[in-house]
Each structure stands twice: as C-alpha cells, then as structure tokens.
Protein backbone atom coordinates (compact mmCIF):
# COMPACT_ATOMS: atom_id res chain seq x y z
CA UNK A 1 0.00 0.00 0.00
CA UNK A 2 1.48 3.37 -0.97
CA UNK A 3 1.28 6.49 1.19
CA UNK A 4 -1.06 8.13 -1.34
CA UNK A 5 -3.52 5.24 -0.92
CA UNK A 6 -3.68 5.19 2.86
CA UNK A 7 -7.36 4.96 3.87
CA UNK A 8 -8.93 7.30 6.39
CA UNK A 9 -5.80 9.39 6.86
CA UNK A 10 -5.03 13.05 7.35
CA UNK A 11 -5.71 13.75 3.68
CA UNK A 12 -9.37 12.89 4.20
CA UNK A 13 -9.40 15.25 7.17
CA UNK A 14 -7.94 18.04 5.04
CA UNK A 15 -10.58 17.38 2.37
CA UNK A 16 -13.27 17.38 5.05
CA UNK A 17 -11.92 20.62 6.46
CA UNK A 18 -12.05 22.28 3.04
CA UNK A 19 -15.72 21.32 2.71
CA UNK A 20 -16.65 22.46 6.23
CA UNK A 21 -18.22 25.90 6.60
CA UNK A 22 -15.49 28.01 8.26
CA UNK A 23 -16.11 29.28 11.78
CA UNK A 24 -17.17 32.77 10.78
CA UNK A 25 -16.37 34.69 14.01
CA UNK A 26 -12.85 33.22 14.14
CA UNK A 27 -12.25 33.88 10.44
CA UNK A 28 -13.46 37.47 10.91
CA UNK A 29 -10.97 37.78 13.76
CA UNK A 30 -8.20 36.39 11.52
CA UNK A 31 -9.12 38.82 8.72
CA UNK A 32 -9.11 41.71 11.18
CA UNK A 33 -5.64 40.65 12.35
CA UNK A 34 -4.43 40.70 8.73
CA UNK A 35 -5.69 44.27 8.32
CA UNK A 36 -4.23 45.40 11.64
CA UNK A 37 -0.97 43.66 10.76
CA UNK A 38 -0.67 45.78 7.60
CA UNK A 39 -1.39 48.90 9.66
CA UNK A 40 1.27 47.87 12.20
CA UNK A 41 3.80 47.30 9.42
CA UNK A 42 3.07 50.77 8.12
CA UNK A 43 3.52 52.12 11.63
CA UNK A 44 6.94 50.51 11.88
CA UNK A 45 7.97 52.27 8.67
CA UNK A 46 6.44 55.72 9.19
CA UNK A 47 6.20 56.13 13.00
CA UNK A 48 9.50 56.45 14.85
CA UNK A 49 8.01 56.42 18.36
CA UNK A 50 9.33 53.88 20.86
CA UNK A 51 7.95 52.33 24.04
CA UNK A 52 9.99 50.41 26.62
CA UNK A 53 13.06 50.64 24.36
CA UNK A 54 11.31 49.07 21.35
CA UNK A 55 9.47 50.44 18.29
CA UNK A 56 5.95 51.25 19.43
CA UNK A 57 4.34 49.26 16.60
CA UNK A 58 6.39 46.10 17.11
CA UNK A 59 4.23 44.61 19.87
CA UNK A 60 0.95 45.16 17.95
CA UNK A 61 2.51 43.53 14.88
CA UNK A 62 3.66 40.45 16.80
CA UNK A 63 0.25 40.06 18.43
CA UNK A 64 -1.64 40.35 15.12
CA UNK A 65 0.47 37.54 13.64
CA UNK A 66 0.12 35.28 16.67
CA UNK A 67 -3.62 35.86 17.20
CA UNK A 68 -4.35 35.55 13.47
CA UNK A 69 -2.59 32.19 13.21
CA UNK A 70 -4.26 30.99 16.38
CA UNK A 71 -7.73 31.98 15.15
CA UNK A 72 -7.29 30.10 11.85
CA UNK A 73 -5.97 27.03 13.66
CA UNK A 74 -8.81 27.03 16.18
CA UNK A 75 -11.37 27.41 13.37
CA UNK A 76 -9.89 24.35 11.66
CA UNK A 77 -9.88 22.37 14.90
CA UNK A 78 -13.55 23.13 15.51
CA UNK A 79 -14.26 21.96 11.96
CA UNK A 80 -12.80 18.55 12.86
CA UNK A 81 -15.17 18.00 15.80
CA UNK A 82 -17.58 15.12 15.34
CA UNK A 83 -19.05 15.36 18.84
CA UNK A 84 -20.06 18.55 20.63
CA UNK A 85 -19.82 20.56 17.42
CA UNK A 86 -22.37 23.17 18.52
CA UNK A 87 -20.59 23.64 21.86
CA UNK A 88 -17.31 23.94 19.97
CA UNK A 89 -18.82 26.66 17.76
CA UNK A 90 -19.88 28.69 20.80
CA UNK A 91 -16.50 28.22 22.46
CA UNK A 92 -14.80 29.48 19.30
CA UNK A 93 -17.12 32.48 19.30
CA UNK A 94 -16.24 33.23 22.92
CA UNK A 95 -12.55 33.07 22.00
CA UNK A 96 -13.06 35.38 19.01
CA UNK A 97 -14.95 37.97 21.08
CA UNK A 98 -12.46 37.86 23.97
CA UNK A 99 -9.34 38.14 21.81
CA UNK A 100 -10.98 40.66 19.50
CA UNK A 101 -11.65 42.91 22.47
CA UNK A 102 -8.08 42.42 23.68
CA UNK A 103 -6.59 43.41 20.34
CA UNK A 104 -8.77 46.52 20.09
CA UNK A 105 -7.64 47.62 23.57
CA UNK A 106 -4.02 46.75 22.75
CA UNK A 107 -3.99 49.01 19.69
CA UNK A 108 -5.78 51.78 21.59
CA UNK A 109 -3.46 51.67 24.58
CA UNK A 110 -0.17 51.29 22.73
CA UNK A 111 -0.56 52.90 19.32
CA UNK A 112 -3.08 55.63 20.17
CA UNK A 113 -2.34 56.47 23.82
CA UNK A 114 1.36 55.59 23.58
CA UNK A 115 1.35 53.80 26.92
CA UNK A 116 2.39 50.32 28.05
CA UNK A 117 -0.33 47.70 28.13
CA UNK A 118 0.55 44.79 30.36
CA UNK A 119 1.01 45.26 34.10
CA UNK A 120 0.28 49.01 33.86
CA UNK A 121 -1.54 50.38 36.92
CA UNK A 122 -0.31 53.94 36.82
CA UNK A 123 -3.74 55.57 36.29
CA UNK A 124 -7.33 54.31 36.70
CA UNK A 125 -7.68 54.14 32.90
CA UNK A 126 -4.44 52.15 32.56
CA UNK A 127 -5.58 49.77 35.28
CA UNK A 128 -9.01 49.33 33.69
CA UNK A 129 -7.50 48.54 30.29
CA UNK A 130 -4.99 46.13 31.87
CA UNK A 131 -7.78 44.33 33.75
CA UNK A 132 -10.03 44.13 30.68
CA UNK A 133 -7.22 42.69 28.57
CA UNK A 134 -6.49 40.13 31.29
CA UNK A 135 -10.18 39.16 31.42
CA UNK A 136 -10.27 38.73 27.64
CA UNK A 137 -7.13 36.59 27.73
CA UNK A 138 -8.50 34.40 30.53
CA UNK A 139 -11.77 34.01 28.61
CA UNK A 140 -9.82 32.86 25.55
CA UNK A 141 -7.78 30.51 27.73
CA UNK A 142 -10.93 28.96 29.22
CA UNK A 143 -12.48 28.50 25.76
CA UNK A 144 -9.29 26.86 24.45
CA UNK A 145 -9.19 24.56 27.50
CA UNK A 146 -12.79 23.51 26.87
CA UNK A 147 -12.05 22.79 23.20
CA UNK A 148 -9.05 20.72 24.30
CA UNK A 149 -11.39 18.67 26.51
CA UNK A 150 -13.79 18.20 23.59
CA UNK A 151 -10.94 16.84 21.50
CA UNK A 152 -10.46 14.06 24.06
CA UNK A 153 -13.83 12.63 23.01
CA UNK A 154 -13.25 12.73 19.24
CA UNK A 155 -12.25 9.76 17.10
CA UNK A 156 -10.60 11.27 14.04
CA UNK A 157 -9.75 9.20 10.93
CA UNK A 158 -5.99 9.51 11.39
CA UNK A 159 -4.64 8.33 14.75
CA UNK A 160 -1.46 10.37 14.45
CA UNK A 161 -3.45 13.57 13.92
CA UNK A 162 -5.78 12.56 16.74
CA UNK A 163 -2.79 12.45 19.10
CA UNK A 164 -1.35 15.67 17.65
CA UNK A 165 -4.55 17.64 18.16
CA UNK A 166 -5.06 16.43 21.71
CA UNK A 167 -1.47 17.03 22.79
CA UNK A 168 -1.22 20.31 20.88
CA UNK A 169 -4.38 21.68 22.45
CA UNK A 170 -3.33 20.59 25.94
CA UNK A 171 0.14 22.12 25.61
CA UNK A 172 -1.38 25.27 24.16
CA UNK A 173 -3.59 25.59 27.23
CA UNK A 174 -0.49 25.15 29.38
CA UNK A 175 1.32 27.80 27.37
CA UNK A 176 -1.50 30.28 27.85
CA UNK A 177 -1.58 29.43 31.55
CA UNK A 178 2.14 30.20 31.88
CA UNK A 179 1.23 33.84 31.28
CA UNK A 180 -0.25 33.87 34.79
CA UNK A 181 3.30 33.71 36.17
CA UNK A 182 3.99 37.14 34.68
CA UNK A 183 1.25 38.96 36.54
CA UNK A 184 2.57 38.58 40.07
CA UNK A 185 4.78 41.34 41.53
CA UNK A 186 8.52 40.82 41.19
CA UNK A 187 11.02 41.37 44.01
CA UNK A 188 11.40 45.09 43.36
CA UNK A 189 7.64 45.61 43.27
CA UNK A 190 7.19 43.55 46.44
CA UNK A 191 9.76 45.78 48.15
CA UNK A 192 7.69 48.80 47.12
CA UNK A 193 4.55 47.22 48.58
CA UNK A 194 6.36 46.46 51.84
CA UNK A 195 7.52 50.07 51.99
CA UNK A 196 3.92 51.25 51.72
CA UNK A 197 4.32 52.46 48.13
CA UNK A 198 1.96 51.75 45.26
CA UNK A 199 3.98 50.61 42.21
CA UNK A 200 2.71 51.82 38.85
CA UNK A 201 3.72 48.50 37.25
CA UNK A 202 2.76 45.17 38.83
CA UNK A 203 4.17 42.14 37.02
CA UNK A 204 6.84 41.72 34.37
CA UNK A 205 7.92 39.72 31.35
CA UNK A 206 11.55 39.52 32.45
CA UNK A 207 12.85 37.71 35.54
CA UNK A 208 15.84 39.06 37.46
CA UNK A 209 16.19 42.14 35.25
CA UNK A 210 13.90 45.08 34.36
CA UNK A 211 11.68 44.88 31.29
CA UNK A 212 12.98 46.78 28.28
CA UNK A 213 16.63 45.72 28.57
CA UNK A 214 18.77 44.14 25.83
CA UNK A 215 16.81 41.58 23.84
CA UNK A 216 16.78 39.42 20.74
CA UNK A 217 16.08 41.27 17.47
CA UNK A 218 12.35 41.55 16.64
CA UNK A 219 11.30 39.08 19.35
CA UNK A 220 12.64 41.27 22.16
CA UNK A 221 13.27 38.33 24.50
CA UNK A 222 15.78 39.28 27.16
CA UNK A 223 19.42 38.37 26.50
CA UNK A 224 20.55 39.27 30.03
CA UNK A 225 17.89 37.63 32.22
CA UNK A 226 14.96 35.23 32.22
CA UNK A 227 11.92 35.96 30.07
CA UNK A 228 8.55 34.31 30.60
CA UNK A 229 7.39 35.25 27.11
CA UNK A 230 9.56 32.45 25.73
CA UNK A 231 7.75 29.43 27.26
CA UNK A 232 4.45 31.28 26.79
CA UNK A 233 5.17 31.64 23.05
CA UNK A 234 6.33 28.05 22.57
CA UNK A 235 3.42 26.65 24.53
CA UNK A 236 0.59 28.47 22.76
CA UNK A 237 1.90 27.50 19.32
CA UNK A 238 2.05 23.77 20.07
CA UNK A 239 -1.46 23.70 18.66
CA UNK A 240 0.07 24.46 15.25
CA UNK A 241 3.42 22.66 15.52
CA UNK A 242 2.22 19.16 16.46
CA UNK A 243 -0.52 18.90 13.79
CA UNK A 244 2.11 20.03 11.26
CA UNK A 245 4.33 17.18 12.48
CA UNK A 246 1.48 14.71 11.86
CA UNK A 247 0.83 16.21 8.43
CA UNK A 248 4.52 16.09 7.55
CA UNK A 249 4.81 12.43 8.56
CA UNK A 250 1.89 11.53 6.30
CA UNK A 251 3.52 13.30 3.37
CA UNK A 252 6.81 11.52 4.06
CA UNK A 253 4.96 8.18 4.04
CA UNK A 254 4.82 8.43 0.26
CA UNK A 255 8.61 8.21 0.17
CA UNK A 256 9.36 6.10 3.26
CA UNK A 257 7.25 2.91 3.58
CA UNK A 258 7.89 2.60 7.31
CA UNK A 259 5.67 5.66 7.84
CA UNK A 260 2.69 4.09 6.07
CA UNK A 261 1.76 2.53 9.41
CA UNK A 262 -0.57 4.70 11.47
CA UNK A 263 0.88 3.01 14.53
CA UNK A 264 4.37 4.30 13.68
CA UNK A 265 3.18 7.82 12.86
CA UNK A 266 1.07 7.96 16.01
CA UNK A 267 3.99 6.92 18.20
CA UNK A 268 6.28 9.45 16.51
CA UNK A 269 3.73 12.18 17.18
CA UNK A 270 3.46 11.10 20.80
CA UNK A 271 7.26 11.17 21.05
CA UNK A 272 7.31 14.68 19.57
CA UNK A 273 4.61 15.69 22.08
CA UNK A 274 6.70 14.42 25.00
CA UNK A 275 9.70 16.31 23.64
CA UNK A 276 7.67 19.49 23.22
CA UNK A 277 6.31 19.17 26.76
CA UNK A 278 9.84 18.68 28.07
CA UNK A 279 11.02 21.76 26.19
CA UNK A 280 8.14 23.78 27.62
CA UNK A 281 9.04 22.75 31.17
CA UNK A 282 12.73 23.45 30.53
CA UNK A 283 12.09 26.93 29.11
CA UNK A 284 9.81 27.78 32.03
CA UNK A 285 12.38 26.54 34.56
CA UNK A 286 15.16 28.44 32.82
CA UNK A 287 13.19 31.69 32.72
CA UNK A 288 12.05 31.40 36.33
CA UNK A 289 15.69 31.16 37.41
CA UNK A 290 16.41 34.49 35.71
CA UNK A 291 18.55 32.85 33.05
CA UNK A 292 18.70 34.19 29.50
CA UNK A 293 17.74 31.93 26.61
CA UNK A 294 21.12 32.70 24.98
CA UNK A 295 23.20 31.95 28.08
CA UNK A 296 22.14 28.49 29.31
CA UNK A 297 24.05 27.12 32.30
CA UNK A 298 25.35 23.60 32.81
CA UNK A 299 22.09 22.20 34.22
CA UNK A 300 20.00 23.71 31.45
CA UNK A 301 22.28 22.09 28.88
CA UNK A 302 22.12 18.76 30.71
CA UNK A 303 18.32 18.88 30.79
CA UNK A 304 18.18 19.87 27.13
CA UNK A 305 20.48 17.00 26.20
CA UNK A 306 18.26 14.63 28.18
CA UNK A 307 15.19 15.79 26.25
CA UNK A 308 17.00 15.25 22.93
CA UNK A 309 18.08 11.77 24.05
CA UNK A 310 14.52 10.82 25.05
CA UNK A 311 13.10 12.05 21.74
CA UNK A 312 15.82 10.25 19.76
CA UNK A 313 15.27 6.99 21.64
CA UNK A 314 11.49 7.27 21.37
CA UNK A 315 11.73 7.95 17.64
CA UNK A 316 14.00 4.94 17.09
CA UNK A 317 11.67 2.66 19.04
CA UNK A 318 8.63 4.03 17.19
CA UNK A 319 10.19 3.30 13.81
CA UNK A 320 11.05 -0.25 14.84
CA UNK A 321 7.75 -1.18 16.49
CA UNK A 322 5.47 -1.46 13.48
CA UNK A 323 2.06 -3.00 13.88
CA UNK A 324 -0.49 -3.98 11.21
CA UNK A 325 -3.29 -1.41 10.98
CA UNK A 326 -6.00 -3.98 11.75
CA UNK A 327 -4.41 -4.56 15.19
CA UNK A 328 -4.77 -0.97 16.27
CA UNK A 329 -7.32 -0.31 18.97
C-alpha cells in the first residue's frame, strides 16, 4: 500500500476541512488581524516612536500575527469535531470575542495612547485597560481549555493527527496558563509594597532584570535575564506545531514505507509531544531562574540534552515497532 492510498488518513481530514463551513467569528478575527498587521507594518515604517526601548508598533505587529494564526488554527480544529460541534462553535465564538476585544484595547493603549499595556496600573484608565485585557485573555484561555477537553472525546480518521490535536491543544492551554506567572509582583515591586508604596507597574515579562533591557532582534526576549514570554510563546503555538508534524509524517509516508503505518506515525507524534512538553518545562524553569535563553548554564544544557536523548530513543523505538493497521485499537 502506498502512502497516497492510505485509507482514512489526514488527507481525508484536510478534504473534510475544506468542505466544512469556516467558523465565521474566528475567520473574521483572523481577517481583522491581517488588516491590523498591515497597519502595524506601516507604523513601523512611518512612525519612529518607541515604548519600553522598542518600536511602538512592534508589539501590535507580533500580536496580530500570533492571534491571526491561532484563530485560523482554532477554526480548523472546531471543523474537525464530530461530537459537541455546537458547543465547539460557541466556544470558538467566545474566543473570538475575547481576543478581538483584547486586540482593540491593545492598539488603543499602545498605538493611540502611547502607553504600556501589560502590568500598567499607573492611572485608573491604565488599570481598567490592563484588567479588561487580562479578562479577555483568561476568557480565551478557558475557551481553548474547553475545546481541548472536547478533543479528548473525538475519534478522528488519522490516529497520528488525533494524538497531535489532543497534545497540541493541551500544551497550548499550558502555554496560555504560563502567562499567569507574569502577573505577580517581582522582588522590586514587592519591596515597594512592603515600603507602603503603590507601584505603577505590577508584574513583568523579564525575571531578574527590568523589562525593556537588551533583547533578541524583533522578538525582544531578554538576552541578560529570564523571560517568561519564551515558554508562553512556545506553549501556545504547540497547537500548530504538532498537527504540522502529523501532516509532515503523512507526506513523508509516500517516500518512506515505514511511515505508512498509522501506529508508527502515532507513536512518533506522541514522542514529539513528549519532547515538546519537556522543552516547555525546561524553558519555564530556565526563565524562572532568571537565566537568558542565549546563556544556558550547565544544568539547562544537561536537561536539554536529556530531552533530545529521550526524543531520539522514542523515535527509534517508534520506527522499529510497526504493527499492522487492523491490530490498532
């Protein structure tokens, strides 16, 4: 049997997805992000203002790309649901409304008012906007978590994609949840509270150093301290990475017969999921210790090597342990 003749595989899911009516609220959100992304690009070219030592339009641009990709992915995921489809539609709508509100407030606060968004409690208006954005993000997180639970009860045609969607959604929920670690006061802010002062900023992206210091080009991730945006970013995009792994394995099955087995592809996806989860934990641990992504210490390197070894061993075992498709349960 050739890879192009595999029955009930990811290709049938892609065909099904192309015939499914798109989730309109999420696709409207994605289209709005495309428009705002063009505006943000124009801002980068024609507006030389800066905020926290970065071009003022850079943060809006990064958010439009991330939210746009996430909205399209979530719309596709909801299209794959065979059980709880109506509930999934409403959850997607909740996500679209919550994140749409967040993006509107983000552009207003940063591009129009020229003020920082996250953690800003300097004025009542700043605090209100910060709280509303947090509420929108938590609403989106709850909707994503509920969709992840729905995916546990689906039986999709391709077992590798089934595993990829479940693991990707779960890790994405974890990645969104990691953002909660940024909203607590850091040591400097706690010292201000103990001294009876009211800090204008409560929370931070960086750990061990102030926000706005030296960072990676475009991304802005700190190069001198820990940065919680890194595990947050990797976690939320697991929902795209792992399904792409499953899709890539199916395409490679046309060239490599060993991958024609759903059992092999499923185990490889599960191995990739374990590796991704390990990376997420490692990045969170590294950031929480105030360590820069570009300056890993001995223990970070040891842990990273261990993750690579586990993934390599799991991949080798997966490729060797083939099972006829009719024996799969």
